[in-house]
Amino acid sequence: MNKLSILFVCGAGLGSSFAAQMSTEDVLTKLGVEAKLDHVDISSAVSMKPDIIITAENFRTQFEKFALDPTTAIIYLRNIVSKPEIEEKITPVLMEKGAL
């Protein structure tokens, strides 16, 4: 299987998306999952086709306005750097995508 692509999204594509990416890297390492990780702003994310998008809960209403690829899973986080929350939410998605 190809590596999963995971996209981290925030308003500017710099601060919070990168922080979420770093925390998720630790979770993926713990789970033994390799993935291609990148971070972008929300307007750029719409034109991309990652396997998973990880973003903050406060971007939910903006994502609901976009027509994303139906195969893209979106994970909304209350705390973007909480490794327990990331692990809890990403594990079932990774299982669904065949990465676990």
N, C-alpha and C. Protein backbone atom coordinates (compact mmCIF):
# COMPACT_ATOMS: atom_id res chain seq x y z
N MET A 1 0.83 -1.19 0.00
CA MET A 1 0.00 0.00 0.00
C MET A 1 0.87 1.25 0.00
N ASN A 2 0.43 2.26 -0.71
CA ASN A 2 1.14 3.54 -0.69
C ASN A 2 1.04 4.16 0.69
N LYS A 3 2.00 5.03 0.99
CA LYS A 3 1.93 5.75 2.26
C LYS A 3 0.68 6.61 2.28
N LEU A 4 0.05 6.65 3.43
CA LEU A 4 -1.08 7.55 3.61
C LEU A 4 -0.59 8.98 3.52
N SER A 5 -1.41 9.86 2.98
CA SER A 5 -1.07 11.28 3.00
C SER A 5 -1.99 11.96 4.02
N ILE A 6 -1.36 12.67 4.94
CA ILE A 6 -2.11 13.38 5.98
C ILE A 6 -1.79 14.85 5.86
N LEU A 7 -2.84 15.65 5.78
CA LEU A 7 -2.70 17.09 5.62
C LEU A 7 -3.20 17.78 6.88
N PHE A 8 -2.37 18.66 7.41
CA PHE A 8 -2.72 19.43 8.61
C PHE A 8 -3.08 20.83 8.15
N VAL A 9 -4.24 21.31 8.61
CA VAL A 9 -4.79 22.55 8.06
C VAL A 9 -5.11 23.55 9.16
N CYS A 10 -4.71 24.80 8.91
CA CYS A 10 -5.11 25.91 9.78
C CYS A 10 -5.33 27.14 8.90
N GLY A 11 -5.62 28.25 9.51
CA GLY A 11 -5.93 29.46 8.75
C GLY A 11 -4.83 29.92 7.82
N ALA A 12 -3.59 29.96 8.31
CA ALA A 12 -2.47 30.44 7.51
C ALA A 12 -1.57 29.31 7.01
N GLY A 13 -1.76 28.11 7.53
CA GLY A 13 -0.93 26.98 7.10
C GLY A 13 0.44 26.95 7.73
N LEU A 14 0.61 27.67 8.83
CA LEU A 14 1.93 27.75 9.45
C LEU A 14 1.94 27.27 10.89
N GLY A 15 1.34 28.01 11.79
CA GLY A 15 1.49 27.76 13.22
C GLY A 15 0.80 26.54 13.75
N SER A 16 -0.52 26.60 13.87
CA SER A 16 -1.22 25.51 14.54
C SER A 16 -1.20 24.22 13.73
N SER A 17 -1.19 24.33 12.41
CA SER A 17 -1.14 23.10 11.61
C SER A 17 0.21 22.40 11.79
N PHE A 18 1.28 23.15 11.92
CA PHE A 18 2.60 22.55 12.13
C PHE A 18 2.69 21.94 13.53
N ALA A 19 2.10 22.60 14.51
CA ALA A 19 2.09 22.06 15.88
C ALA A 19 1.33 20.73 15.91
N ALA A 20 0.19 20.68 15.23
CA ALA A 20 -0.59 19.43 15.16
C ALA A 20 0.20 18.35 14.44
N GLN A 21 0.92 18.72 13.40
CA GLN A 21 1.73 17.76 12.65
C GLN A 21 2.80 17.15 13.55
N MET A 22 3.47 17.96 14.32
CA MET A 22 4.53 17.44 15.19
C MET A 22 3.97 16.47 16.23
N SER A 23 2.83 16.80 16.83
CA SER A 23 2.22 15.90 17.81
C SER A 23 1.77 14.60 17.15
N THR A 24 1.22 14.70 15.96
CA THR A 24 0.74 13.52 15.25
C THR A 24 1.89 12.62 14.83
N GLU A 25 3.02 13.20 14.48
CA GLU A 25 4.20 12.40 14.14
C GLU A 25 4.56 11.45 15.28
N ASP A 26 4.51 11.95 16.50
CA ASP A 26 4.81 11.11 17.67
C ASP A 26 3.80 9.98 17.81
N VAL A 27 2.52 10.29 17.58
CA VAL A 27 1.47 9.27 17.68
C VAL A 27 1.67 8.21 16.59
N LEU A 28 1.95 8.64 15.37
CA LEU A 28 2.15 7.70 14.28
C LEU A 28 3.35 6.79 14.53
N THR A 29 4.42 7.37 15.07
CA THR A 29 5.60 6.58 15.40
C THR A 29 5.24 5.51 16.43
N LYS A 30 4.49 5.90 17.46
CA LYS A 30 4.05 4.97 18.50
C LYS A 30 3.23 3.83 17.90
N LEU A 31 2.38 4.17 16.91
CA LEU A 31 1.51 3.17 16.29
C LEU A 31 2.21 2.39 15.18
N GLY A 32 3.41 2.82 14.81
CA GLY A 32 4.15 2.13 13.75
C GLY A 32 3.62 2.40 12.36
N VAL A 33 3.08 3.60 12.15
CA VAL A 33 2.49 3.96 10.86
C VAL A 33 3.38 5.00 10.18
N GLU A 34 3.71 4.74 8.92
CA GLU A 34 4.44 5.73 8.13
C GLU A 34 3.43 6.46 7.26
N ALA A 35 3.59 7.77 7.16
CA ALA A 35 2.68 8.57 6.35
C ALA A 35 3.42 9.78 5.80
N LYS A 36 2.90 10.30 4.72
CA LYS A 36 3.42 11.55 4.14
C LYS A 36 2.65 12.68 4.80
N LEU A 37 3.35 13.56 5.49
CA LEU A 37 2.71 14.64 6.24
C LEU A 37 3.03 15.98 5.61
N ASP A 38 2.03 16.87 5.60
CA ASP A 38 2.23 18.22 5.11
C ASP A 38 1.25 19.14 5.81
N HIS A 39 1.55 20.43 5.83
CA HIS A 39 0.63 21.39 6.44
C HIS A 39 0.40 22.57 5.48
N VAL A 40 -0.86 23.01 5.43
CA VAL A 40 -1.26 24.07 4.49
C VAL A 40 -2.37 24.92 5.12
N ASP A 41 -2.68 26.01 4.42
CA ASP A 41 -3.81 26.84 4.83
C ASP A 41 -5.11 26.22 4.29
N ILE A 42 -6.22 26.67 4.83
CA ILE A 42 -7.50 26.04 4.52
C ILE A 42 -7.89 26.20 3.05
N SER A 43 -7.60 27.32 2.42
CA SER A 43 -7.98 27.49 1.02
C SER A 43 -7.18 26.57 0.10
N SER A 44 -5.93 26.28 0.43
CA SER A 44 -5.12 25.35 -0.37
C SER A 44 -5.58 23.91 -0.18
N ALA A 45 -6.05 23.59 1.01
CA ALA A 45 -6.45 22.21 1.32
C ALA A 45 -7.60 21.74 0.44
N VAL A 46 -8.46 22.66 0.04
CA VAL A 46 -9.64 22.30 -0.72
C VAL A 46 -9.29 21.67 -2.06
N SER A 47 -8.18 22.08 -2.66
CA SER A 47 -7.81 21.56 -3.98
C SER A 47 -6.95 20.31 -3.90
N MET A 48 -6.60 19.88 -2.71
CA MET A 48 -5.74 18.71 -2.55
C MET A 48 -6.58 17.47 -2.24
N LYS A 49 -5.98 16.29 -2.43
CA LYS A 49 -6.72 15.04 -2.17
C LYS A 49 -5.95 14.14 -1.21
N PRO A 50 -5.80 14.58 0.03
CA PRO A 50 -5.11 13.72 1.00
C PRO A 50 -6.04 12.60 1.46
N ASP A 51 -5.44 11.59 2.09
CA ASP A 51 -6.25 10.53 2.67
C ASP A 51 -6.96 11.03 3.93
N ILE A 52 -6.24 11.87 4.69
CA ILE A 52 -6.77 12.38 5.96
C ILE A 52 -6.44 13.86 6.08
N ILE A 53 -7.39 14.63 6.57
CA ILE A 53 -7.16 16.03 6.95
C ILE A 53 -7.32 16.10 8.46
N ILE A 54 -6.35 16.74 9.11
CA ILE A 54 -6.45 16.97 10.55
C ILE A 54 -6.44 18.47 10.76
N THR A 55 -7.43 18.95 11.51
CA THR A 55 -7.59 20.38 11.72
C THR A 55 -8.25 20.63 13.06
N ALA A 56 -8.30 21.88 13.44
CA ALA A 56 -8.93 22.26 14.71
C ALA A 56 -10.45 22.29 14.55
N GLU A 57 -11.13 21.99 15.64
CA GLU A 57 -12.60 21.97 15.66
C GLU A 57 -13.19 23.29 15.14
N ASN A 58 -12.52 24.41 15.40
CA ASN A 58 -13.08 25.70 14.99
C ASN A 58 -13.12 25.90 13.47
N PHE A 59 -12.52 24.99 12.70
CA PHE A 59 -12.59 25.08 11.23
C PHE A 59 -13.69 24.21 10.64
N ARG A 60 -14.43 23.51 11.49
CA ARG A 60 -15.48 22.60 11.00
C ARG A 60 -16.47 23.31 10.07
N THR A 61 -16.98 24.45 10.48
CA THR A 61 -18.00 25.13 9.65
C THR A 61 -17.44 25.53 8.29
N GLN A 62 -16.16 25.89 8.24
CA GLN A 62 -15.56 26.24 6.95
C GLN A 62 -15.43 25.01 6.06
N PHE A 63 -15.00 23.88 6.63
CA PHE A 63 -14.86 22.67 5.83
C PHE A 63 -16.21 22.16 5.34
N GLU A 64 -17.26 22.37 6.12
CA GLU A 64 -18.58 21.91 5.72
C GLU A 64 -19.10 22.65 4.49
N LYS A 65 -18.53 23.80 4.17
CA LYS A 65 -18.93 24.57 2.99
C LYS A 65 -18.25 24.05 1.72
N PHE A 66 -17.19 23.27 1.86
CA PHE A 66 -16.41 22.81 0.72
C PHE A 66 -16.85 21.42 0.27
N ALA A 67 -16.72 21.16 -1.03
CA ALA A 67 -16.98 19.83 -1.57
C ALA A 67 -15.63 19.12 -1.68
N LEU A 68 -15.30 18.36 -0.66
CA LEU A 68 -14.04 17.63 -0.65
C LEU A 68 -14.24 16.23 -1.22
N ASP A 69 -13.14 15.61 -1.62
CA ASP A 69 -13.18 14.23 -2.08
C ASP A 69 -13.83 13.38 -0.98
N PRO A 70 -14.84 12.61 -1.32
CA PRO A 70 -15.54 11.82 -0.28
C PRO A 70 -14.68 10.76 0.39
N THR A 71 -13.54 10.42 -0.21
CA THR A 71 -12.66 9.43 0.41
C THR A 71 -11.73 10.05 1.45
N THR A 72 -11.70 11.38 1.51
CA THR A 72 -10.85 12.07 2.49
C THR A 72 -11.55 12.09 3.84
N ALA A 73 -10.88 11.55 4.85
CA ALA A 73 -11.41 11.59 6.22
C ALA A 73 -10.95 12.89 6.87
N ILE A 74 -11.85 13.53 7.60
CA ILE A 74 -11.48 14.75 8.31
C ILE A 74 -11.56 14.49 9.81
N ILE A 75 -10.47 14.82 10.49
CA ILE A 75 -10.42 14.67 11.94
C ILE A 75 -10.36 16.07 12.54
N TYR A 76 -11.34 16.37 13.39
CA TYR A 76 -11.38 17.68 14.06
C TYR A 76 -10.90 17.49 15.50
N LEU A 77 -9.97 18.34 15.90
CA LEU A 77 -9.39 18.25 17.23
C LEU A 77 -9.81 19.43 18.10
N ARG A 78 -10.15 19.14 19.36
CA ARG A 78 -10.41 20.21 20.32
C ARG A 78 -9.08 20.83 20.77
N ASN A 79 -8.08 19.95 20.96
CA ASN A 79 -6.74 20.41 21.36
C ASN A 79 -5.76 19.85 20.34
N ILE A 80 -5.23 20.70 19.48
CA ILE A 80 -4.43 20.25 18.34
C ILE A 80 -3.10 19.63 18.71
N VAL A 81 -2.67 19.76 19.95
CA VAL A 81 -1.39 19.15 20.35
C VAL A 81 -1.58 18.03 21.37
N SER A 82 -2.81 17.64 21.62
CA SER A 82 -3.09 16.56 22.59
C SER A 82 -2.86 15.20 21.93
N LYS A 83 -1.77 14.56 22.30
CA LYS A 83 -1.46 13.25 21.73
C LYS A 83 -2.53 12.20 22.06
N PRO A 84 -3.07 12.20 23.30
CA PRO A 84 -4.16 11.24 23.57
C PRO A 84 -5.38 11.47 22.68
N GLU A 85 -5.76 12.72 22.46
CA GLU A 85 -6.92 13.00 21.60
C GLU A 85 -6.61 12.60 20.15
N ILE A 86 -5.41 12.92 19.69
CA ILE A 86 -5.02 12.57 18.32
C ILE A 86 -5.06 11.05 18.15
N GLU A 87 -4.47 10.33 19.09
CA GLU A 87 -4.45 8.86 19.00
C GLU A 87 -5.86 8.29 19.01
N GLU A 88 -6.70 8.81 19.90
CA GLU A 88 -8.09 8.33 19.99
C GLU A 88 -8.84 8.52 18.68
N LYS A 89 -8.63 9.66 18.04
CA LYS A 89 -9.39 9.98 16.83
C LYS A 89 -8.77 9.42 15.56
N ILE A 90 -7.45 9.28 15.53
CA ILE A 90 -6.81 8.81 14.29
C ILE A 90 -6.80 7.28 14.19
N THR A 91 -6.80 6.58 15.30
CA THR A 91 -6.71 5.12 15.26
C THR A 91 -7.82 4.48 14.43
N PRO A 92 -9.11 4.81 14.65
CA PRO A 92 -10.14 4.17 13.82
C PRO A 92 -10.04 4.56 12.34
N VAL A 93 -9.57 5.76 12.07
CA VAL A 93 -9.41 6.19 10.66
C VAL A 93 -8.28 5.41 10.01
N LEU A 94 -7.20 5.22 10.73
CA LEU A 94 -6.08 4.44 10.20
C LEU A 94 -6.51 2.99 9.95
N MET A 95 -7.33 2.44 10.83
CA MET A 95 -7.83 1.09 10.64
C MET A 95 -8.71 1.02 9.39
N GLU A 96 -9.57 2.01 9.22
CA GLU A 96 -10.46 2.07 8.06
C GLU A 96 -9.67 2.19 6.76
N LYS A 97 -8.56 2.93 6.81
CA LYS A 97 -7.73 3.14 5.62
C LYS A 97 -6.75 1.99 5.38
N GLY A 98 -6.74 1.01 6.28
CA GLY A 98 -5.88 -0.14 6.11
C GLY A 98 -4.43 0.07 6.53
N ALA A 99 -4.18 1.10 7.32
CA ALA A 99 -2.81 1.39 7.75
C ALA A 99 -2.47 0.72 9.08
N LEU A 100 -3.49 0.22 9.77
CA LEU A 100 -3.28 -0.49 11.05
C LEU A 100 -3.86 -1.89 10.97
